[in-house]
Amino acid sequence: MIDDTSILTTWYAHAASAPGFLGHAFHLYRQRTGLSLTRQRALLGLRDPSTDALWTRLQAMPLPRSQQFDTDLQRIVAHLLTAFPDHTIHISQLATFLRTQGEP
């Protein structure tokens, strides 16, 4: 029998690589800059293996709307940290990764 947790985990993994979600934007940033995945996670404050589930969930969040960028980003982080209260995300670095996604 498949439970809700496994369904959600499958969805997060799928969304993490789909266009329109943070994970895809992170991937494009790494491709463009040559930044490693390990370094990107470290810059976000998600270096430790205990943050793997948070990293997956972060990647599965939809991109913030350009006209509501800061508000959406704050909501995304607040939502995730409600589920993972013992962790932090460096929001200024997150914003940098996302704001520069369309720049050459």
N, C-alpha and C. Protein backbone atom coordinates (compact mmCIF):
# COMPACT_ATOMS: atom_id res chain seq x y z
N MET A 1 0.84 -1.18 0.00
CA MET A 1 0.00 0.00 0.00
C MET A 1 0.89 1.25 0.00
N ILE A 2 0.52 2.22 -0.80
CA ILE A 2 1.25 3.48 -0.89
C ILE A 2 0.63 4.47 0.08
N ASP A 3 1.47 5.08 0.90
CA ASP A 3 0.96 6.06 1.86
C ASP A 3 1.19 7.48 1.34
N ASP A 4 0.61 8.45 2.05
CA ASP A 4 0.71 9.84 1.64
C ASP A 4 2.15 10.33 1.59
N THR A 5 2.96 9.89 2.52
CA THR A 5 4.35 10.34 2.56
C THR A 5 5.09 9.94 1.29
N SER A 6 4.91 8.72 0.84
CA SER A 6 5.62 8.28 -0.37
C SER A 6 5.09 9.01 -1.61
N ILE A 7 3.82 9.31 -1.63
CA ILE A 7 3.26 10.08 -2.76
C ILE A 7 3.86 11.47 -2.78
N LEU A 8 3.91 12.12 -1.62
CA LEU A 8 4.50 13.46 -1.54
C LEU A 8 5.98 13.44 -1.89
N THR A 9 6.70 12.46 -1.42
CA THR A 9 8.13 12.36 -1.72
C THR A 9 8.35 12.21 -3.22
N THR A 10 7.53 11.42 -3.87
CA THR A 10 7.61 11.26 -5.32
C THR A 10 7.31 12.58 -6.03
N TRP A 11 6.30 13.29 -5.55
CA TRP A 11 5.95 14.58 -6.15
C TRP A 11 7.10 15.58 -5.97
N TYR A 12 7.66 15.66 -4.77
CA TYR A 12 8.76 16.60 -4.53
C TYR A 12 9.94 16.30 -5.44
N ALA A 13 10.27 15.04 -5.61
CA ALA A 13 11.37 14.65 -6.48
C ALA A 13 11.09 15.05 -7.93
N HIS A 14 9.86 14.86 -8.37
CA HIS A 14 9.49 15.24 -9.73
C HIS A 14 9.55 16.76 -9.91
N ALA A 15 8.92 17.48 -9.01
CA ALA A 15 8.86 18.95 -9.12
C ALA A 15 10.24 19.57 -9.01
N ALA A 16 11.14 18.96 -8.26
CA ALA A 16 12.47 19.51 -8.06
C ALA A 16 13.25 19.67 -9.35
N SER A 17 12.88 18.93 -10.38
CA SER A 17 13.61 19.05 -11.65
C SER A 17 12.77 19.65 -12.77
N ALA A 18 11.55 20.04 -12.48
CA ALA A 18 10.65 20.55 -13.51
C ALA A 18 10.78 22.07 -13.67
N PRO A 19 10.69 22.56 -14.91
CA PRO A 19 10.68 24.00 -15.12
C PRO A 19 9.56 24.66 -14.31
N GLY A 20 9.85 25.86 -13.80
CA GLY A 20 8.86 26.58 -13.00
C GLY A 20 9.01 26.34 -11.51
N PHE A 21 9.97 25.49 -11.13
CA PHE A 21 10.21 25.20 -9.73
C PHE A 21 11.64 25.58 -9.37
N LEU A 22 11.88 25.78 -8.09
CA LEU A 22 13.19 26.25 -7.64
C LEU A 22 14.32 25.31 -8.04
N GLY A 23 14.09 24.02 -7.96
CA GLY A 23 15.15 23.06 -8.29
C GLY A 23 15.67 23.23 -9.70
N HIS A 24 14.79 23.49 -10.62
CA HIS A 24 15.21 23.71 -12.01
C HIS A 24 16.04 24.98 -12.11
N ALA A 25 15.61 26.03 -11.42
CA ALA A 25 16.37 27.29 -11.41
C ALA A 25 17.75 27.08 -10.78
N PHE A 26 17.82 26.31 -9.70
CA PHE A 26 19.11 26.01 -9.07
C PHE A 26 20.02 25.28 -10.05
N HIS A 27 19.45 24.31 -10.76
CA HIS A 27 20.22 23.53 -11.74
C HIS A 27 20.77 24.45 -12.84
N LEU A 28 19.93 25.33 -13.36
CA LEU A 28 20.38 26.25 -14.41
C LEU A 28 21.49 27.17 -13.90
N TYR A 29 21.35 27.62 -12.66
CA TYR A 29 22.38 28.47 -12.06
C TYR A 29 23.70 27.71 -11.98
N ARG A 30 23.67 26.47 -11.53
CA ARG A 30 24.89 25.67 -11.43
C ARG A 30 25.51 25.44 -12.80
N GLN A 31 24.68 25.17 -13.80
CA GLN A 31 25.18 24.97 -15.16
C GLN A 31 25.87 26.22 -15.67
N ARG A 32 25.25 27.36 -15.46
CA ARG A 32 25.76 28.62 -15.98
C ARG A 32 27.03 29.07 -15.27
N THR A 33 27.12 28.83 -13.97
CA THR A 33 28.23 29.36 -13.19
C THR A 33 29.33 28.35 -12.88
N GLY A 34 29.03 27.07 -13.04
CA GLY A 34 29.99 26.04 -12.67
C GLY A 34 30.03 25.74 -11.18
N LEU A 35 29.10 26.31 -10.44
CA LEU A 35 29.00 26.05 -9.00
C LEU A 35 28.59 24.60 -8.78
N SER A 36 29.20 23.95 -7.82
CA SER A 36 28.83 22.56 -7.53
C SER A 36 27.56 22.52 -6.69
N LEU A 37 26.88 21.41 -6.75
CA LEU A 37 25.68 21.20 -5.93
C LEU A 37 26.03 21.30 -4.45
N THR A 38 27.15 20.71 -4.07
CA THR A 38 27.58 20.75 -2.67
C THR A 38 27.80 22.18 -2.21
N ARG A 39 28.46 22.97 -3.03
CA ARG A 39 28.72 24.37 -2.68
C ARG A 39 27.43 25.18 -2.64
N GLN A 40 26.53 24.94 -3.58
CA GLN A 40 25.26 25.66 -3.60
C GLN A 40 24.47 25.37 -2.32
N ARG A 41 24.41 24.13 -1.94
CA ARG A 41 23.71 23.77 -0.70
C ARG A 41 24.38 24.42 0.50
N ALA A 42 25.69 24.43 0.53
CA ALA A 42 26.42 25.05 1.65
C ALA A 42 26.12 26.54 1.73
N LEU A 43 26.08 27.21 0.60
CA LEU A 43 25.78 28.65 0.58
C LEU A 43 24.38 28.94 1.08
N LEU A 44 23.48 27.99 0.89
CA LEU A 44 22.10 28.15 1.38
C LEU A 44 21.96 27.74 2.85
N GLY A 45 23.03 27.19 3.42
CA GLY A 45 22.97 26.73 4.80
C GLY A 45 22.44 25.32 4.93
N LEU A 46 22.46 24.56 3.83
CA LEU A 46 21.88 23.22 3.80
C LEU A 46 22.94 22.16 3.49
N ARG A 47 24.07 22.29 4.12
CA ARG A 47 25.21 21.42 3.87
C ARG A 47 25.06 20.04 4.51
N ASP A 48 24.54 20.00 5.71
CA ASP A 48 24.47 18.78 6.48
C ASP A 48 23.48 17.78 5.89
N PRO A 49 23.81 16.49 5.93
CA PRO A 49 22.86 15.48 5.43
C PRO A 49 21.49 15.53 6.11
N SER A 50 21.43 16.06 7.33
CA SER A 50 20.14 16.17 8.01
C SER A 50 19.20 17.15 7.32
N THR A 51 19.72 17.92 6.36
CA THR A 51 18.89 18.88 5.63
C THR A 51 18.43 18.33 4.27
N ASP A 52 18.68 17.07 3.99
CA ASP A 52 18.32 16.50 2.68
C ASP A 52 16.83 16.64 2.37
N ALA A 53 15.98 16.34 3.34
CA ALA A 53 14.53 16.45 3.10
C ALA A 53 14.12 17.91 2.87
N LEU A 54 14.72 18.81 3.62
CA LEU A 54 14.44 20.24 3.42
C LEU A 54 14.91 20.69 2.04
N TRP A 55 16.07 20.23 1.62
CA TRP A 55 16.60 20.57 0.29
C TRP A 55 15.64 20.09 -0.81
N THR A 56 15.16 18.88 -0.67
CA THR A 56 14.22 18.34 -1.67
C THR A 56 12.94 19.17 -1.69
N ARG A 57 12.41 19.49 -0.53
CA ARG A 57 11.19 20.30 -0.46
C ARG A 57 11.41 21.70 -1.02
N LEU A 58 12.56 22.30 -0.72
CA LEU A 58 12.87 23.63 -1.24
C LEU A 58 12.87 23.61 -2.76
N GLN A 59 13.51 22.61 -3.34
CA GLN A 59 13.57 22.52 -4.80
C GLN A 59 12.19 22.34 -5.44
N ALA A 60 11.26 21.78 -4.69
CA ALA A 60 9.92 21.51 -5.22
C ALA A 60 8.97 22.70 -5.09
N MET A 61 9.45 23.80 -4.55
CA MET A 61 8.61 25.00 -4.43
C MET A 61 8.55 25.73 -5.77
N PRO A 62 7.39 26.29 -6.10
CA PRO A 62 7.29 27.04 -7.36
C PRO A 62 8.14 28.30 -7.29
N LEU A 63 8.59 28.76 -8.45
CA LEU A 63 9.35 30.00 -8.51
C LEU A 63 8.51 31.17 -8.01
N PRO A 64 9.14 32.10 -7.33
CA PRO A 64 8.39 33.30 -6.90
C PRO A 64 7.98 34.12 -8.12
N ARG A 65 6.84 34.77 -8.01
CA ARG A 65 6.39 35.65 -9.09
C ARG A 65 7.28 36.89 -9.10
N SER A 66 7.64 37.36 -10.29
CA SER A 66 8.56 38.49 -10.38
C SER A 66 8.01 39.75 -9.70
N GLN A 67 6.72 40.00 -9.83
CA GLN A 67 6.14 41.21 -9.23
C GLN A 67 5.93 41.08 -7.72
N GLN A 68 6.03 39.87 -7.19
CA GLN A 68 5.87 39.60 -5.75
C GLN A 68 7.07 38.82 -5.22
N PHE A 69 8.22 39.03 -5.84
CA PHE A 69 9.40 38.19 -5.57
C PHE A 69 9.73 38.10 -4.08
N ASP A 70 9.95 39.22 -3.43
CA ASP A 70 10.37 39.19 -2.02
C ASP A 70 9.30 38.57 -1.12
N THR A 71 8.05 38.94 -1.35
CA THR A 71 6.96 38.39 -0.55
C THR A 71 6.84 36.88 -0.75
N ASP A 72 6.88 36.45 -2.00
CA ASP A 72 6.78 35.01 -2.28
C ASP A 72 7.96 34.25 -1.67
N LEU A 73 9.15 34.81 -1.78
CA LEU A 73 10.32 34.14 -1.24
C LEU A 73 10.22 34.00 0.29
N GLN A 74 9.77 35.05 0.94
CA GLN A 74 9.57 34.99 2.39
C GLN A 74 8.54 33.91 2.76
N ARG A 75 7.47 33.83 1.99
CA ARG A 75 6.44 32.82 2.26
C ARG A 75 6.96 31.41 2.05
N ILE A 76 7.73 31.21 0.99
CA ILE A 76 8.30 29.89 0.72
C ILE A 76 9.17 29.45 1.89
N VAL A 77 10.07 30.32 2.30
CA VAL A 77 10.99 29.98 3.39
C VAL A 77 10.22 29.77 4.70
N ALA A 78 9.27 30.64 4.99
CA ALA A 78 8.48 30.49 6.22
C ALA A 78 7.72 29.16 6.22
N HIS A 79 7.15 28.80 5.08
CA HIS A 79 6.41 27.54 4.95
C HIS A 79 7.33 26.35 5.22
N LEU A 80 8.50 26.36 4.61
CA LEU A 80 9.43 25.24 4.78
C LEU A 80 9.94 25.15 6.22
N LEU A 81 10.23 26.29 6.81
CA LEU A 81 10.78 26.26 8.17
C LEU A 81 9.73 25.89 9.20
N THR A 82 8.47 25.99 8.85
CA THR A 82 7.42 25.49 9.73
C THR A 82 7.52 23.97 9.82
N ALA A 83 7.83 23.34 8.70
CA ALA A 83 7.98 21.88 8.66
C ALA A 83 9.35 21.42 9.18
N PHE A 84 10.34 22.31 9.11
CA PHE A 84 11.71 21.99 9.52
C PHE A 84 12.23 23.07 10.46
N PRO A 85 11.65 23.17 11.66
CA PRO A 85 11.96 24.29 12.55
C PRO A 85 13.39 24.32 13.09
N ASP A 86 14.11 23.23 13.01
CA ASP A 86 15.47 23.19 13.54
C ASP A 86 16.53 23.61 12.51
N HIS A 87 16.09 24.05 11.35
CA HIS A 87 17.02 24.41 10.27
C HIS A 87 16.82 25.87 9.88
N THR A 88 17.77 26.37 9.12
CA THR A 88 17.67 27.73 8.57
C THR A 88 18.01 27.67 7.08
N ILE A 89 17.55 28.68 6.37
CA ILE A 89 17.88 28.85 4.95
C ILE A 89 18.40 30.27 4.80
N HIS A 90 19.53 30.42 4.17
CA HIS A 90 20.09 31.76 3.94
C HIS A 90 19.30 32.42 2.80
N ILE A 91 18.31 33.19 3.18
CA ILE A 91 17.37 33.74 2.20
C ILE A 91 18.03 34.73 1.25
N SER A 92 19.02 35.47 1.71
CA SER A 92 19.68 36.43 0.81
C SER A 92 20.42 35.69 -0.30
N GLN A 93 21.03 34.54 0.03
CA GLN A 93 21.70 33.74 -1.00
C GLN A 93 20.68 33.09 -1.93
N LEU A 94 19.57 32.64 -1.37
CA LEU A 94 18.50 32.08 -2.18
C LEU A 94 18.01 33.12 -3.18
N ALA A 95 17.80 34.33 -2.72
CA ALA A 95 17.35 35.40 -3.61
C ALA A 95 18.38 35.66 -4.71
N THR A 96 19.66 35.62 -4.36
CA THR A 96 20.71 35.83 -5.36
C THR A 96 20.65 34.75 -6.44
N PHE A 97 20.52 33.50 -6.04
CA PHE A 97 20.45 32.42 -7.02
C PHE A 97 19.26 32.61 -7.97
N LEU A 98 18.16 33.05 -7.44
CA LEU A 98 16.93 33.16 -8.24
C LEU A 98 16.88 34.43 -9.06
N ARG A 99 17.36 35.52 -8.52
CA ARG A 99 17.33 36.81 -9.25
C ARG A 99 18.26 36.78 -10.44
N THR A 100 19.34 36.03 -10.35
CA THR A 100 20.33 36.00 -11.44
C THR A 100 20.08 34.89 -12.44
N GLN A 101 18.96 34.18 -12.30
CA GLN A 101 18.74 33.03 -13.18
C GLN A 101 18.61 33.41 -14.65
N GLY A 102 18.11 34.60 -14.95
CA GLY A 102 17.94 34.99 -16.35
C GLY A 102 19.09 35.81 -16.91
N GLU A 103 20.07 36.12 -16.05
CA GLU A 103 21.20 36.93 -16.51
C GLU A 103 22.24 36.05 -17.19
N PRO A 104 22.96 36.62 -18.15
CA PRO A 104 24.00 35.83 -18.83
C PRO A 104 25.18 35.53 -17.95
